[in-house]
Protein backbone atom coordinates (compact mmCIF):
# COMPACT_ATOMS: atom_id res chain seq x y z
CA MET A 1 189.79 148.15 123.94
CA SER A 2 187.92 147.52 127.82
CA LYS A 3 189.01 146.70 130.52
CA TYR A 4 186.77 143.85 130.03
CA SER A 5 188.38 142.43 126.67
CA PRO A 6 191.10 140.20 128.03
CA LEU A 7 187.91 138.24 129.72
CA SER A 8 186.05 138.02 126.22
CA ASP A 9 188.60 136.93 124.72
CA HIS A 10 188.67 133.97 127.14
CA PHE A 11 185.29 133.36 126.51
CA ALA A 12 185.25 132.79 123.39
CA SER A 13 189.02 130.65 123.29
CA LEU A 14 186.82 128.48 125.71
CA THR A 15 186.02 125.06 124.63
CA GLN A 16 183.58 123.20 127.73
CA ASP A 17 180.40 124.22 128.30
CA THR A 18 180.85 125.23 132.11
CA TRP A 19 183.56 127.77 133.85
CA ARG A 20 183.70 127.99 137.05
CA PRO A 21 186.76 131.08 138.32
CA THR A 22 187.69 132.24 141.19
CA PHE A 23 187.36 136.31 141.42
CA THR A 24 191.19 136.06 141.69
CA ASP A 25 191.53 134.10 138.47
CA ILE A 26 189.05 136.91 136.84
CA GLU A 27 191.40 139.41 138.40
CA LEU A 28 194.43 137.80 136.86
CA LEU A 29 192.96 137.71 133.51
CA LEU A 30 191.92 141.37 133.41
CA GLY A 31 195.51 142.25 135.00
CA SER A 32 193.39 145.06 137.45
CA THR A 33 191.53 144.02 140.28
CA LEU A 34 187.12 143.58 139.88
CA PRO A 35 185.59 146.51 141.29
CA LYS A 36 183.93 146.19 144.94
CA ALA A 37 180.67 145.85 143.20
CA ALA A 38 182.06 142.60 141.87
CA ARG A 39 181.03 141.12 144.90
CA GLN A 40 177.44 141.28 145.00
CA PRO A 41 175.53 138.74 142.55
CA ALA A 42 173.21 141.82 140.83
CA TRP A 43 176.74 142.91 139.39
CA TRP A 44 177.27 139.62 137.53
CA ILE A 45 173.50 138.79 136.74
CA GLY A 46 171.49 140.51 134.01
CA GLU A 47 172.12 141.91 130.68
CA GLY A 48 172.96 145.71 129.62
CA LYS A 49 175.74 146.78 131.84
CA THR A 50 178.74 146.93 130.07
CA HIS A 51 180.98 144.64 131.52
CA GLN A 52 178.47 141.76 131.04
CA SER A 53 179.37 141.45 127.50
CA ALA A 54 182.11 139.86 128.04
CA TRP A 55 180.40 136.82 128.34
CA LEU A 56 177.26 137.52 126.76
CA ASP A 57 178.18 138.14 123.62
CA HIS A 58 179.87 134.97 123.19
CA ASP A 59 176.63 133.13 124.68
CA TRP A 60 177.52 132.43 128.07
CA ARG A 61 175.28 132.99 131.16
CA VAL A 62 175.69 133.52 134.61
CA SER A 63 174.35 130.57 136.14
CA ALA A 64 176.01 130.75 139.77
CA VAL A 65 177.72 133.53 141.87
CA GLY A 66 178.97 133.13 145.62
CA ASP A 67 182.12 132.75 147.87
CA GLY A 68 184.37 134.89 145.53
CA VAL A 69 183.46 131.69 142.82
CA VAL A 70 181.43 132.76 139.98
CA THR A 71 179.96 129.71 137.74
CA PHE A 72 179.51 130.53 134.04
CA ARG A 73 177.67 128.33 131.41
CA ARG A 74 177.51 128.30 127.73
CA ALA A 75 173.85 128.91 127.07
CA ARG A 76 172.31 126.30 124.23
CA ALA A 77 170.20 127.29 121.60
CA HIS A 78 167.12 126.37 123.30
CA ASP A 79 168.44 128.50 126.40
CA ILE A 80 168.70 131.94 124.12
CA GLN A 81 165.16 133.19 123.50
CA PRO A 82 164.96 134.47 120.18
CA GLN A 83 164.68 138.85 120.30
CA VAL A 84 160.52 138.51 118.76
CA LEU A 85 159.81 136.43 121.20
CA LYS A 86 161.34 137.96 124.28
CA THR A 87 159.11 141.63 122.50
CA ALA A 88 156.13 139.75 122.73
CA ALA A 89 156.42 138.46 126.29
CA GLU A 90 157.45 141.97 127.28
CA SER A 91 154.83 143.67 125.85
CA ALA A 92 151.90 140.85 127.14
CA SER A 93 153.48 141.51 130.68
CA THR A 94 152.92 145.36 130.14
CA GLN A 95 149.78 144.88 129.05
CA ALA A 96 148.65 142.79 132.04
CA HIS A 97 150.16 145.12 133.78
CA VAL A 98 148.12 148.35 132.28
CA ARG A 99 144.86 145.86 132.39
CA GLN A 100 145.20 145.43 136.29
CA ASN A 101 146.53 149.09 136.70
CA ALA A 102 143.03 150.03 135.16
CA GLY A 103 141.32 147.32 137.22
CA VAL A 104 142.35 149.56 139.44
CA ALA A 105 141.75 152.86 138.45
CA LEU A 106 138.14 151.83 137.40
CA VAL A 107 137.34 150.33 140.92
CA ALA A 108 138.95 154.20 142.73
CA GLY A 109 136.84 155.73 140.00
CA ALA A 110 133.67 153.91 141.27
CA ALA A 111 134.55 154.84 145.06
CA VAL A 112 135.11 158.07 144.33
CA ALA A 113 131.55 158.62 142.86
CA ALA A 114 129.96 156.63 145.65
CA VAL A 115 131.99 159.11 147.57
CA ALA A 116 130.79 162.16 145.73
CA GLY A 117 126.80 160.75 145.94
CA LEU A 118 126.40 160.42 149.21
CA GLY A 119 128.04 163.61 149.56
CA VAL A 120 125.33 165.36 147.55
CA LEU A 121 122.04 162.89 148.91
CA THR A 122 123.68 164.26 152.63
CA ALA A 123 123.34 167.73 151.14
CA LYS A 124 119.94 168.12 149.92
CA LEU A 125 118.79 165.75 153.35
CA LEU A 126 120.66 168.89 155.32
CA ARG A 127 119.23 171.45 153.25
CA GLY A 128 115.54 169.57 153.77
CA ARG A 129 115.89 169.79 157.55
CA LYS A 130 116.74 173.15 157.46
CA ASP A 131 113.34 174.20 155.18
CA ALA A 132 111.30 172.15 157.78
């Protein structure tokens, strides 16, 4: 049983679309204090952290955090992207990033080639002066 199981159970039982508890309300549900990191919005927002599954598993999202209060909203079907769309969006973002970096590399490569060409030209000119 996870430390956040009581919170998960609470989300499973909610019937309204918005829940706005104080940190103290959540601590009473948990039977323990929240970590110091919970005072920062980053602890609540996003996905991938173990404690976040308490609400994400029940289709709730954090819509606001501040002044010791968290606002949770039930996600509607149109608010949740299917995994296929999320993957496609991430892939498109990655491809755009690769294209952007390739363009930068191309410009940098051209600059290096130009400098190298100037170096060769300078060497030939200097050699020509020596010979004269």
